[in-house]
Amino acid sequence: MSAAAAEAAPVSASKPRRKLSKKLLMILAIVGVLLAGGAAATVFVLKKKAALAAALAGEDDALPADEALALQDQGRRDPSKPPTFLPLDPFVVNLADREQERYAQIGITLQIDNAAVAEQLKAYMPAIRNGVLMILAHKSSAELLERAGKEQLAAEIMRESVRPLGIEVAPAAPVAGRPRVPAVHNPVEKVHFSSFIIQ
């Protein structure tokens, strides 16, 4: 029996080693998966940062300028401070419809990233209103009735409202025949329509 006990002892000693090695392999596999996920996330973040830098540098293969600026502006707004709003007097303008006389009455409020820029914009209000009126006068009622047309109008107003300050914002899509404008920060964050009537 002592020989049987001697044989049983090594067998029972090897079983805990197998259980230990299975547990160790499982832990190593989990750590490996976590490390691979961390590496993939790091590569993703670095690629986004590289695309942002390339877009801001004006390279052709980069993100569009509006996406690059949106990435750059993420986290900039302090939620404890409300944004600065600059309401403009309502615009009444004849539209560019050829088949019949149509006009639009549009109320616009600009959302500015800081109060100092809002005060600067007030000083240039006649030039800003002129630019917005020129944009509106070239729009047709069909363009402005669609959501995409309103969004396009808001983007054009964002660009035009800072032009008197000497800030040239590139259009969302490159325009053929015009030189590429480098991406710059636009202090006008959004254009809000307070009224939009077309007759």
N, C-alpha and C. Protein backbone atom coordinates (compact mmCIF):
# COMPACT_ATOMS: atom_id res chain seq x y z
N MET A 1 0.80 -1.18 0.00
CA MET A 1 0.00 0.00 0.00
C MET A 1 0.84 1.24 0.00
N SER A 2 2.01 1.07 0.54
CA SER A 2 2.86 2.25 0.56
C SER A 2 3.28 2.63 -0.85
N ALA A 3 3.41 1.63 -1.73
CA ALA A 3 3.75 1.92 -3.12
C ALA A 3 2.58 2.60 -3.81
N ALA A 4 1.36 2.19 -3.50
CA ALA A 4 0.17 2.81 -4.09
C ALA A 4 0.02 4.24 -3.59
N ALA A 5 0.33 4.46 -2.33
CA ALA A 5 0.26 5.81 -1.77
C ALA A 5 1.32 6.69 -2.40
N ALA A 6 2.48 6.09 -2.66
CA ALA A 6 3.55 6.87 -3.30
C ALA A 6 3.18 7.24 -4.72
N GLU A 7 2.50 6.35 -5.44
CA GLU A 7 2.07 6.67 -6.80
C GLU A 7 0.93 7.70 -6.80
N ALA A 8 0.06 7.63 -5.82
CA ALA A 8 -1.08 8.55 -5.77
C ALA A 8 -0.63 9.96 -5.45
N ALA A 9 0.44 10.11 -4.68
CA ALA A 9 0.90 11.44 -4.29
C ALA A 9 1.34 12.27 -5.50
N PRO A 10 2.13 11.76 -6.45
CA PRO A 10 2.52 12.58 -7.58
C PRO A 10 1.33 12.93 -8.48
N VAL A 11 0.37 12.02 -8.62
CA VAL A 11 -0.78 12.29 -9.47
C VAL A 11 -1.60 13.44 -8.88
N SER A 12 -1.83 13.41 -7.57
CA SER A 12 -2.62 14.46 -6.95
C SER A 12 -1.85 15.78 -6.96
N ALA A 13 -0.56 15.77 -6.93
CA ALA A 13 0.24 16.99 -6.96
C ALA A 13 0.21 17.62 -8.35
N SER A 14 0.07 16.80 -9.41
CA SER A 14 0.07 17.35 -10.76
C SER A 14 -1.27 18.00 -11.12
N LYS A 15 -2.37 17.56 -10.52
CA LYS A 15 -3.67 18.14 -10.82
C LYS A 15 -3.77 19.61 -10.42
N PRO A 16 -3.33 20.02 -9.24
CA PRO A 16 -3.38 21.45 -8.92
C PRO A 16 -2.49 22.27 -9.86
N ARG A 17 -1.40 21.72 -10.33
CA ARG A 17 -0.55 22.44 -11.26
C ARG A 17 -1.29 22.68 -12.58
N ARG A 18 -2.04 21.73 -13.05
CA ARG A 18 -2.81 21.90 -14.27
C ARG A 18 -3.89 22.96 -14.07
N LYS A 19 -4.56 22.92 -12.92
CA LYS A 19 -5.57 23.94 -12.65
C LYS A 19 -4.92 25.30 -12.56
N LEU A 20 -3.76 25.37 -11.94
CA LEU A 20 -3.06 26.64 -11.82
C LEU A 20 -2.62 27.13 -13.20
N SER A 21 -2.14 26.25 -14.04
CA SER A 21 -1.70 26.68 -15.37
C SER A 21 -2.90 27.10 -16.23
N LYS A 22 -4.06 26.49 -16.08
CA LYS A 22 -5.26 26.91 -16.82
C LYS A 22 -5.69 28.30 -16.36
N LYS A 23 -5.65 28.53 -15.04
CA LYS A 23 -6.01 29.85 -14.53
C LYS A 23 -5.01 30.90 -15.02
N LEU A 24 -3.75 30.55 -15.01
CA LEU A 24 -2.72 31.47 -15.46
C LEU A 24 -2.88 31.80 -16.94
N LEU A 25 -3.19 30.79 -17.74
CA LEU A 25 -3.42 31.02 -19.16
C LEU A 25 -4.65 31.90 -19.39
N MET A 26 -5.69 31.70 -18.61
CA MET A 26 -6.89 32.51 -18.74
C MET A 26 -6.60 33.97 -18.38
N ILE A 27 -5.87 34.18 -17.31
CA ILE A 27 -5.51 35.54 -16.89
C ILE A 27 -4.63 36.20 -17.95
N LEU A 28 -3.67 35.46 -18.48
CA LEU A 28 -2.80 36.01 -19.52
C LEU A 28 -3.59 36.35 -20.78
N ALA A 29 -4.58 35.52 -21.12
CA ALA A 29 -5.41 35.79 -22.30
C ALA A 29 -6.22 37.07 -22.09
N ILE A 30 -6.78 37.25 -20.91
CA ILE A 30 -7.56 38.46 -20.62
C ILE A 30 -6.66 39.69 -20.66
N VAL A 31 -5.48 39.59 -20.07
CA VAL A 31 -4.54 40.71 -20.10
C VAL A 31 -4.14 41.03 -21.54
N GLY A 32 -3.93 40.00 -22.34
CA GLY A 32 -3.59 40.21 -23.75
C GLY A 32 -4.69 40.93 -24.51
N VAL A 33 -5.94 40.54 -24.28
CA VAL A 33 -7.07 41.19 -24.93
C VAL A 33 -7.16 42.65 -24.50
N LEU A 34 -6.98 42.92 -23.20
CA LEU A 34 -7.02 44.30 -22.71
C LEU A 34 -5.89 45.13 -23.32
N LEU A 35 -4.70 44.56 -23.41
CA LEU A 35 -3.58 45.28 -24.01
C LEU A 35 -3.83 45.57 -25.49
N ALA A 36 -4.39 44.60 -26.21
CA ALA A 36 -4.70 44.81 -27.63
C ALA A 36 -5.76 45.90 -27.79
N GLY A 37 -6.77 45.89 -26.94
CA GLY A 37 -7.80 46.94 -27.00
C GLY A 37 -7.22 48.31 -26.69
N GLY A 38 -6.35 48.39 -25.70
CA GLY A 38 -5.70 49.66 -25.38
C GLY A 38 -4.83 50.15 -26.52
N ALA A 39 -4.12 49.25 -27.16
CA ALA A 39 -3.28 49.63 -28.30
C ALA A 39 -4.15 50.13 -29.46
N ALA A 40 -5.26 49.45 -29.72
CA ALA A 40 -6.15 49.88 -30.80
C ALA A 40 -6.74 51.26 -30.50
N ALA A 41 -7.13 51.50 -29.25
CA ALA A 41 -7.68 52.81 -28.88
C ALA A 41 -6.61 53.90 -29.03
N THR A 42 -5.38 53.59 -28.65
CA THR A 42 -4.29 54.57 -28.79
C THR A 42 -4.05 54.90 -30.25
N VAL A 43 -4.04 53.89 -31.11
CA VAL A 43 -3.84 54.12 -32.54
C VAL A 43 -4.98 54.97 -33.09
N PHE A 44 -6.21 54.69 -32.69
CA PHE A 44 -7.37 55.46 -33.15
C PHE A 44 -7.25 56.92 -32.76
N VAL A 45 -6.90 57.18 -31.50
CA VAL A 45 -6.76 58.57 -31.02
C VAL A 45 -5.63 59.27 -31.75
N LEU A 46 -4.51 58.60 -31.94
CA LEU A 46 -3.39 59.22 -32.64
C LEU A 46 -3.72 59.52 -34.09
N LYS A 47 -4.49 58.64 -34.74
CA LYS A 47 -4.89 58.90 -36.12
C LYS A 47 -5.82 60.11 -36.18
N LYS A 48 -6.75 60.25 -35.22
CA LYS A 48 -7.65 61.40 -35.18
C LYS A 48 -6.85 62.69 -35.00
N LYS A 49 -5.87 62.65 -34.09
CA LYS A 49 -5.05 63.84 -33.86
C LYS A 49 -4.24 64.19 -35.10
N ALA A 50 -3.72 63.18 -35.79
CA ALA A 50 -2.96 63.43 -37.01
C ALA A 50 -3.85 64.00 -38.10
N ALA A 51 -5.08 63.47 -38.22
CA ALA A 51 -6.02 64.00 -39.21
C ALA A 51 -6.41 65.44 -38.88
N LEU A 52 -6.58 65.75 -37.61
CA LEU A 52 -6.89 67.11 -37.19
C LEU A 52 -5.75 68.04 -37.54
N ALA A 53 -4.53 67.63 -37.23
CA ALA A 53 -3.37 68.47 -37.54
C ALA A 53 -3.22 68.67 -39.04
N ALA A 54 -3.46 67.61 -39.81
CA ALA A 54 -3.36 67.72 -41.26
C ALA A 54 -4.44 68.64 -41.82
N ALA A 55 -5.66 68.55 -41.27
CA ALA A 55 -6.74 69.41 -41.75
C ALA A 55 -6.46 70.87 -41.43
N LEU A 56 -5.95 71.11 -40.23
CA LEU A 56 -5.63 72.48 -39.86
C LEU A 56 -4.45 73.02 -40.65
N ALA A 57 -3.57 72.12 -41.11
CA ALA A 57 -2.44 72.54 -41.94
C ALA A 57 -2.86 72.72 -43.39
N GLY A 58 -4.04 72.24 -43.77
CA GLY A 58 -4.56 72.46 -45.11
C GLY A 58 -4.21 71.37 -46.10
N GLU A 59 -3.86 70.19 -45.64
CA GLU A 59 -3.54 69.10 -46.56
C GLU A 59 -4.81 68.54 -47.18
N ASP A 60 -4.72 68.08 -48.43
CA ASP A 60 -5.90 67.65 -49.19
C ASP A 60 -6.53 66.37 -48.66
N ASP A 61 -5.73 65.44 -48.11
CA ASP A 61 -6.27 64.15 -47.67
C ASP A 61 -6.85 64.22 -46.26
N ALA A 62 -6.91 65.39 -45.68
CA ALA A 62 -7.30 65.52 -44.29
C ALA A 62 -8.81 65.56 -44.14
N LEU A 63 -9.25 65.65 -42.88
CA LEU A 63 -10.67 65.84 -42.59
C LEU A 63 -11.14 67.14 -43.18
N PRO A 64 -12.42 67.27 -43.50
CA PRO A 64 -12.94 68.58 -43.89
C PRO A 64 -12.72 69.59 -42.77
N ALA A 65 -12.57 70.86 -43.15
CA ALA A 65 -12.23 71.89 -42.18
C ALA A 65 -13.26 72.01 -41.07
N ASP A 66 -14.56 71.86 -41.42
CA ASP A 66 -15.58 72.00 -40.38
C ASP A 66 -15.50 70.86 -39.36
N GLU A 67 -15.16 69.63 -39.80
CA GLU A 67 -14.99 68.52 -38.87
C GLU A 67 -13.75 68.72 -38.01
N ALA A 68 -12.67 69.24 -38.63
CA ALA A 68 -11.45 69.49 -37.88
C ALA A 68 -11.67 70.54 -36.80
N LEU A 69 -12.38 71.60 -37.15
CA LEU A 69 -12.65 72.64 -36.16
C LEU A 69 -13.58 72.12 -35.07
N ALA A 70 -14.52 71.26 -35.44
CA ALA A 70 -15.41 70.69 -34.43
C ALA A 70 -14.61 69.84 -33.45
N LEU A 71 -13.65 69.05 -33.95
CA LEU A 71 -12.79 68.27 -33.08
C LEU A 71 -11.94 69.17 -32.20
N GLN A 72 -11.43 70.24 -32.78
CA GLN A 72 -10.59 71.17 -32.03
C GLN A 72 -11.39 71.87 -30.93
N ASP A 73 -12.65 72.17 -31.19
CA ASP A 73 -13.47 72.91 -30.25
C ASP A 73 -14.09 72.03 -29.16
N GLN A 74 -13.98 70.70 -29.29
CA GLN A 74 -14.58 69.82 -28.29
C GLN A 74 -13.97 70.09 -26.93
N GLY A 75 -14.81 70.26 -25.94
CA GLY A 75 -14.32 70.48 -24.60
C GLY A 75 -13.99 71.93 -24.31
N ARG A 76 -14.11 72.82 -25.25
CA ARG A 76 -13.76 74.22 -25.04
C ARG A 76 -14.82 74.94 -24.22
N ARG A 77 -16.09 74.62 -24.39
CA ARG A 77 -17.18 75.33 -23.73
C ARG A 77 -17.26 74.93 -22.26
N ASP A 78 -17.28 75.92 -21.39
CA ASP A 78 -17.46 75.70 -19.96
C ASP A 78 -18.97 75.68 -19.69
N PRO A 79 -19.52 74.55 -19.22
CA PRO A 79 -20.97 74.46 -19.06
C PRO A 79 -21.53 75.42 -18.01
N SER A 80 -20.68 75.93 -17.12
CA SER A 80 -21.19 76.86 -16.11
C SER A 80 -21.41 78.26 -16.67
N LYS A 81 -20.82 78.55 -17.84
CA LYS A 81 -20.99 79.86 -18.46
C LYS A 81 -21.91 79.73 -19.67
N PRO A 82 -23.01 80.47 -19.69
CA PRO A 82 -23.90 80.40 -20.85
C PRO A 82 -23.25 81.09 -22.05
N PRO A 83 -23.60 80.68 -23.26
CA PRO A 83 -23.03 81.32 -24.44
C PRO A 83 -23.56 82.74 -24.59
N THR A 84 -22.86 83.53 -25.39
CA THR A 84 -23.28 84.89 -25.68
C THR A 84 -24.11 84.88 -26.95
N PHE A 85 -25.30 85.45 -26.90
CA PHE A 85 -26.17 85.51 -28.06
C PHE A 85 -26.24 86.96 -28.55
N LEU A 86 -26.17 87.11 -29.86
CA LEU A 86 -26.27 88.43 -30.48
C LEU A 86 -27.43 88.40 -31.48
N PRO A 87 -28.60 88.92 -31.07
CA PRO A 87 -29.73 88.93 -32.01
C PRO A 87 -29.56 90.04 -33.04
N LEU A 88 -29.90 89.74 -34.27
CA LEU A 88 -29.88 90.72 -35.35
C LEU A 88 -31.31 91.18 -35.60
N ASP A 89 -31.45 92.42 -36.07
CA ASP A 89 -32.79 92.88 -36.45
C ASP A 89 -33.32 91.98 -37.55
N PRO A 90 -34.64 91.75 -37.62
CA PRO A 90 -35.18 90.86 -38.65
C PRO A 90 -34.86 91.36 -40.07
N PHE A 91 -34.66 90.40 -40.96
CA PHE A 91 -34.37 90.70 -42.36
C PHE A 91 -35.63 90.48 -43.18
N VAL A 92 -35.96 91.42 -44.05
CA VAL A 92 -37.03 91.25 -45.02
C VAL A 92 -36.39 91.50 -46.38
N VAL A 93 -36.45 90.48 -47.25
CA VAL A 93 -35.72 90.58 -48.52
C VAL A 93 -36.52 89.88 -49.62
N ASN A 94 -36.43 90.45 -50.83
CA ASN A 94 -36.99 89.78 -52.01
C ASN A 94 -36.08 88.62 -52.37
N LEU A 95 -36.69 87.49 -52.69
CA LEU A 95 -35.90 86.31 -53.04
C LEU A 95 -35.63 86.28 -54.54
N ALA A 96 -34.76 85.37 -54.95
CA ALA A 96 -34.31 85.30 -56.34
C ALA A 96 -35.20 84.42 -57.21
N ASP A 97 -36.46 84.24 -56.85
CA ASP A 97 -37.37 83.44 -57.67
C ASP A 97 -37.68 84.19 -58.96
N ARG A 98 -37.62 83.49 -60.09
CA ARG A 98 -37.86 84.13 -61.40
C ARG A 98 -39.33 84.06 -61.80
N GLU A 99 -40.03 83.01 -61.39
CA GLU A 99 -41.40 82.82 -61.86
C GLU A 99 -42.41 83.72 -61.16
N GLN A 100 -42.15 84.11 -59.93
CA GLN A 100 -43.06 85.01 -59.23
C GLN A 100 -42.32 85.78 -58.15
N GLU A 101 -42.91 86.86 -57.70
CA GLU A 101 -42.32 87.70 -56.66
C GLU A 101 -42.52 87.02 -55.31
N ARG A 102 -41.40 86.69 -54.64
CA ARG A 102 -41.47 86.07 -53.32
C ARG A 102 -40.51 86.80 -52.41
N TYR A 103 -40.84 86.83 -51.14
CA TYR A 103 -39.94 87.46 -50.19
C TYR A 103 -39.85 86.61 -48.93
N ALA A 104 -38.79 86.91 -48.14
CA ALA A 104 -38.57 86.18 -46.89
C ALA A 104 -38.41 87.17 -45.75
N GLN A 105 -38.96 86.81 -44.62
CA GLN A 105 -38.74 87.55 -43.38
C GLN A 105 -38.07 86.57 -42.43
N ILE A 106 -36.82 86.89 -42.06
CA ILE A 106 -36.01 85.94 -41.30
C ILE A 106 -35.42 86.64 -40.08
N GLY A 107 -35.60 86.05 -38.92
CA GLY A 107 -34.98 86.51 -37.68
C GLY A 107 -33.76 85.65 -37.39
N ILE A 108 -32.64 86.28 -37.10
CA ILE A 108 -31.37 85.56 -36.91
C ILE A 108 -30.75 85.98 -35.58
N THR A 109 -30.24 84.99 -34.84
CA THR A 109 -29.48 85.23 -33.63
C THR A 109 -28.17 84.47 -33.76
N LEU A 110 -27.05 85.16 -33.53
CA LEU A 110 -25.73 84.54 -33.61
C LEU A 110 -25.31 84.08 -32.21
N GLN A 111 -24.78 82.87 -32.12
CA GLN A 111 -24.22 82.37 -30.87
C GLN A 111 -22.71 82.55 -30.95
N ILE A 112 -22.16 83.39 -30.06
CA ILE A 112 -20.75 83.78 -30.09
C ILE A 112 -20.02 83.08 -28.95
N ASP A 113 -18.76 82.70 -29.17
CA ASP A 113 -18.04 81.98 -28.14
C ASP A 113 -17.57 82.84 -26.97
N ASN A 114 -17.49 84.19 -27.14
CA ASN A 114 -17.19 85.03 -25.98
C ASN A 114 -17.77 86.43 -26.17
N ALA A 115 -17.99 87.10 -25.05
CA ALA A 115 -18.67 88.40 -25.06
C ALA A 115 -17.85 89.48 -25.74
N ALA A 116 -16.52 89.39 -25.68
CA ALA A 116 -15.67 90.42 -26.29
C ALA A 116 -15.86 90.44 -27.81
N VAL A 117 -15.96 89.28 -28.42
CA VAL A 117 -16.18 89.21 -29.87
C VAL A 117 -17.57 89.73 -30.21
N ALA A 118 -18.55 89.47 -29.35
CA ALA A 118 -19.91 89.98 -29.58
C ALA A 118 -19.91 91.50 -29.61
N GLU A 119 -19.14 92.13 -28.74
CA GLU A 119 -19.04 93.59 -28.74
C GLU A 119 -18.36 94.09 -30.02
N GLN A 120 -17.35 93.37 -30.49
CA GLN A 120 -16.70 93.74 -31.76
C GLN A 120 -17.69 93.64 -32.91
N LEU A 121 -18.48 92.57 -32.92
CA LEU A 121 -19.45 92.38 -34.00
C LEU A 121 -20.49 93.50 -34.02
N LYS A 122 -20.87 93.99 -32.85
CA LYS A 122 -21.84 95.09 -32.79
C LYS A 122 -21.31 96.32 -33.51
N ALA A 123 -20.00 96.55 -33.40
CA ALA A 123 -19.40 97.71 -34.06
C ALA A 123 -19.44 97.58 -35.58
N TYR A 124 -19.45 96.35 -36.09
CA TYR A 124 -19.46 96.09 -37.54
C TYR A 124 -20.84 95.69 -38.04
N MET A 125 -21.89 95.96 -37.28
CA MET A 125 -23.23 95.48 -37.63
C MET A 125 -23.72 95.93 -39.00
N PRO A 126 -23.49 97.18 -39.44
CA PRO A 126 -23.95 97.53 -40.80
C PRO A 126 -23.32 96.65 -41.88
N ALA A 127 -22.03 96.35 -41.75
CA ALA A 127 -21.36 95.49 -42.74
C ALA A 127 -21.86 94.05 -42.65
N ILE A 128 -22.12 93.58 -41.45
CA ILE A 128 -22.63 92.22 -41.27
C ILE A 128 -24.02 92.10 -41.88
N ARG A 129 -24.90 93.06 -41.60
CA ARG A 129 -26.25 93.03 -42.16
C ARG A 129 -26.21 93.08 -43.68
N ASN A 130 -25.31 93.90 -44.23
CA ASN A 130 -25.17 93.98 -45.69
C ASN A 130 -24.77 92.62 -46.26
N GLY A 131 -23.80 91.96 -45.65
CA GLY A 131 -23.38 90.65 -46.14
C GLY A 131 -24.48 89.62 -46.08
N VAL A 132 -25.24 89.62 -44.98
CA VAL A 132 -26.34 88.66 -44.84
C VAL A 132 -27.43 88.95 -45.86
N LEU A 133 -27.75 90.24 -46.08
CA LEU A 133 -28.75 90.60 -47.10
C LEU A 133 -28.32 90.15 -48.49
N MET A 134 -27.04 90.29 -48.80
CA MET A 134 -26.54 89.85 -50.11
C MET A 134 -26.70 88.33 -50.27
N ILE A 135 -26.46 87.60 -49.21
CA ILE A 135 -26.64 86.14 -49.26
C ILE A 135 -28.11 85.80 -49.48
N LEU A 136 -28.99 86.43 -48.70
CA LEU A 136 -30.41 86.13 -48.78
C LEU A 136 -31.00 86.50 -50.14
N ALA A 137 -30.52 87.60 -50.73
CA ALA A 137 -31.08 88.05 -52.01
C ALA A 137 -30.77 87.10 -53.15
N HIS A 138 -29.77 86.23 -52.98
CA HIS A 138 -29.43 85.27 -54.03
C HIS A 138 -30.03 83.89 -53.80
N LYS A 139 -30.88 83.77 -52.81
CA LYS A 139 -31.53 82.49 -52.52
C LYS A 139 -32.93 82.46 -53.12
N SER A 140 -33.35 81.27 -53.52
CA SER A 140 -34.72 81.10 -54.02
C SER A 140 -35.56 80.48 -52.90
N SER A 141 -36.87 80.61 -53.05
CA SER A 141 -37.76 80.05 -52.03
C SER A 141 -37.61 78.52 -51.96
N ALA A 142 -37.37 77.89 -53.11
CA ALA A 142 -37.20 76.43 -53.11
C ALA A 142 -36.00 76.01 -52.27
N GLU A 143 -34.91 76.78 -52.35
CA GLU A 143 -33.73 76.47 -51.55
C GLU A 143 -34.02 76.61 -50.07
N LEU A 144 -34.70 77.68 -49.70
CA LEU A 144 -34.90 78.00 -48.29
C LEU A 144 -36.01 77.18 -47.63
N LEU A 145 -36.87 76.56 -48.42
CA LEU A 145 -37.93 75.74 -47.83
C LEU A 145 -37.42 74.39 -47.35
N GLU A 146 -36.29 73.94 -47.89
CA GLU A 146 -35.72 72.65 -47.50
C GLU A 146 -34.79 72.82 -46.30
N ARG A 147 -34.70 71.80 -45.48
CA ARG A 147 -33.81 71.84 -44.31
C ARG A 147 -32.36 72.03 -44.73
N ALA A 148 -31.94 71.32 -45.76
CA ALA A 148 -30.56 71.45 -46.23
C ALA A 148 -30.26 72.88 -46.68
N GLY A 149 -31.25 73.52 -47.28
CA GLY A 149 -31.07 74.91 -47.69
C GLY A 149 -30.89 75.84 -46.50
N LYS A 150 -31.66 75.60 -45.44
CA LYS A 150 -31.52 76.41 -44.22
C LYS A 150 -30.16 76.18 -43.57
N GLU A 151 -29.70 74.92 -43.56
CA GLU A 151 -28.39 74.62 -42.98
C GLU A 151 -27.27 75.27 -43.80
N GLN A 152 -27.41 75.25 -45.12
CA GLN A 152 -26.43 75.91 -45.99
C GLN A 152 -26.43 77.42 -45.74
N LEU A 153 -27.62 78.00 -45.59
CA LEU A 153 -27.73 79.42 -45.30
C LEU A 153 -27.06 79.76 -43.98
N ALA A 154 -27.27 78.94 -42.95
CA ALA A 154 -26.65 79.18 -41.65
C ALA A 154 -25.12 79.14 -41.76
N ALA A 155 -24.58 78.19 -42.54
CA ALA A 155 -23.12 78.11 -42.72
C ALA A 155 -22.60 79.35 -43.44
N GLU A 156 -23.33 79.82 -44.43
CA GLU A 156 -22.90 81.02 -45.16
C GLU A 156 -22.96 82.26 -44.27
N ILE A 157 -23.98 82.34 -43.43
CA ILE A 157 -24.09 83.47 -42.50
C ILE A 157 -22.96 83.43 -41.47
N MET A 158 -22.60 82.23 -41.01
CA MET A 158 -21.48 82.11 -40.07
C MET A 158 -20.20 82.66 -40.68
N ARG A 159 -19.95 82.33 -41.95
CA ARG A 159 -18.74 82.83 -42.62
C ARG A 159 -18.82 84.34 -42.85
N GLU A 160 -19.98 84.81 -43.30
CA GLU A 160 -20.13 86.23 -43.66
C GLU A 160 -20.11 87.14 -42.44
N SER A 161 -20.60 86.66 -41.30
CA SER A 161 -20.71 87.52 -40.12
C SER A 161 -19.36 87.86 -39.50
N VAL A 162 -18.32 87.07 -39.77
CA VAL A 162 -17.00 87.39 -39.21
C VAL A 162 -16.06 88.01 -40.24
N ARG A 163 -16.49 88.09 -41.48
CA ARG A 163 -15.65 88.67 -42.53
C ARG A 163 -15.27 90.13 -42.24
N PRO A 164 -16.18 90.97 -41.71
CA PRO A 164 -15.77 92.34 -41.39
C PRO A 164 -14.66 92.42 -40.34
N LEU A 165 -14.51 91.38 -39.51
CA LEU A 165 -13.43 91.35 -38.52
C LEU A 165 -12.10 90.92 -39.13
N GLY A 166 -12.10 90.60 -40.41
CA GLY A 166 -10.89 90.13 -41.07
C GLY A 166 -10.67 88.64 -40.95
N ILE A 167 -11.68 87.90 -40.54
CA ILE A 167 -11.59 86.44 -40.39
C ILE A 167 -12.19 85.81 -41.64
N GLU A 168 -11.37 85.08 -42.38
CA GLU A 168 -11.84 84.37 -43.58
C GLU A 168 -11.99 82.90 -43.25
N VAL A 169 -13.21 82.43 -43.21
CA VAL A 169 -13.50 81.03 -42.91
C VAL A 169 -13.72 80.30 -44.22
N ALA A 170 -13.07 79.16 -44.37
CA ALA A 170 -13.21 78.37 -45.60
C ALA A 170 -14.60 77.79 -45.69
N PRO A 171 -15.18 77.73 -46.90
CA PRO A 171 -16.48 77.06 -47.04
C PRO A 171 -16.33 75.57 -46.75
N ALA A 172 -17.45 74.93 -46.42
CA ALA A 172 -17.42 73.51 -46.08
C ALA A 172 -16.90 72.68 -47.24
N ALA A 173 -17.28 73.03 -48.46
CA ALA A 173 -16.80 72.32 -49.65
C ALA A 173 -15.92 73.27 -50.45
N PRO A 174 -14.75 72.80 -50.95
CA PRO A 174 -13.89 73.69 -51.72
C PRO A 174 -14.60 74.19 -52.98
N VAL A 175 -14.39 75.45 -53.30
CA VAL A 175 -14.99 76.05 -54.48
C VAL A 175 -13.96 76.07 -55.60
N ALA A 176 -14.34 75.55 -56.79
CA ALA A 176 -13.42 75.47 -57.91
C ALA A 176 -13.01 76.88 -58.35
N GLY A 177 -11.74 77.04 -58.62
CA GLY A 177 -11.25 78.32 -59.12
C GLY A 177 -10.90 79.32 -58.03
N ARG A 178 -11.19 78.99 -56.76
CA ARG A 178 -10.84 79.89 -55.67
C ARG A 178 -9.71 79.27 -54.87
N PRO A 179 -8.76 80.09 -54.40
CA PRO A 179 -7.67 79.52 -53.61
C PRO A 179 -8.20 78.95 -52.30
N ARG A 180 -7.52 77.92 -51.84
CA ARG A 180 -7.93 77.27 -50.59
C ARG A 180 -7.62 78.19 -49.41
N VAL A 181 -8.61 78.38 -48.54
CA VAL A 181 -8.44 79.22 -47.36
C VAL A 181 -8.07 78.31 -46.19
N PRO A 182 -6.98 78.63 -45.45
CA PRO A 182 -6.62 77.77 -44.32
C PRO A 182 -7.71 77.80 -43.25
N ALA A 183 -7.86 76.69 -42.55
CA ALA A 183 -8.89 76.59 -41.52
C ALA A 183 -8.52 77.49 -40.34
N VAL A 184 -9.47 78.31 -39.91
CA VAL A 184 -9.28 79.20 -38.77
C VAL A 184 -10.45 79.04 -37.82
N HIS A 185 -10.27 79.51 -36.60
CA HIS A 185 -11.34 79.43 -35.61
C HIS A 185 -12.38 80.50 -35.90
N ASN A 186 -13.64 80.10 -35.98
CA ASN A 186 -14.75 81.03 -36.18
C ASN A 186 -15.39 81.30 -34.83
N PRO A 187 -15.36 82.56 -34.35
CA PRO A 187 -15.97 82.84 -33.04
C PRO A 187 -17.49 82.72 -33.05
N VAL A 188 -18.12 82.70 -34.23
CA VAL A 188 -19.57 82.47 -34.31
C VAL A 188 -19.77 80.96 -34.31
N GLU A 189 -20.30 80.46 -33.21
CA GLU A 189 -20.45 79.01 -33.05
C GLU A 189 -21.64 78.46 -33.82
N LYS A 190 -22.76 79.21 -33.79
CA LYS A 190 -23.98 78.74 -34.45
C LYS A 190 -24.79 79.92 -34.92
N VAL A 191 -25.65 79.65 -35.87
CA VAL A 191 -26.65 80.62 -36.32
C VAL A 191 -28.01 80.02 -35.98
N HIS A 192 -28.79 80.77 -35.19
CA HIS A 192 -30.12 80.32 -34.82
C HIS A 192 -31.15 81.19 -35.55
N PHE A 193 -32.16 80.53 -36.11
CA PHE A 193 -33.24 81.25 -36.77
C PHE A 193 -34.37 81.41 -35.76
N SER A 194 -34.69 82.66 -35.41
CA SER A 194 -35.77 82.91 -34.47
C SER A 194 -37.12 83.00 -35.19
N SER A 195 -37.11 83.34 -36.48
CA SER A 195 -38.31 83.29 -37.31
C SER A 195 -37.88 83.05 -38.74
N PHE A 196 -38.76 82.41 -39.50
CA PHE A 196 -38.42 82.07 -40.89
C PHE A 196 -39.73 82.01 -41.67
N ILE A 197 -40.07 83.11 -42.33
CA ILE A 197 -41.33 83.19 -43.07
C ILE A 197 -41.01 83.48 -44.54
N ILE A 198 -41.59 82.66 -45.43
CA ILE A 198 -41.43 82.88 -46.86
C ILE A 198 -42.82 83.04 -47.45
N GLN A 199 -43.01 84.14 -48.21
CA GLN A 199 -44.31 84.37 -48.86
C GLN A 199 -44.11 84.70 -50.31
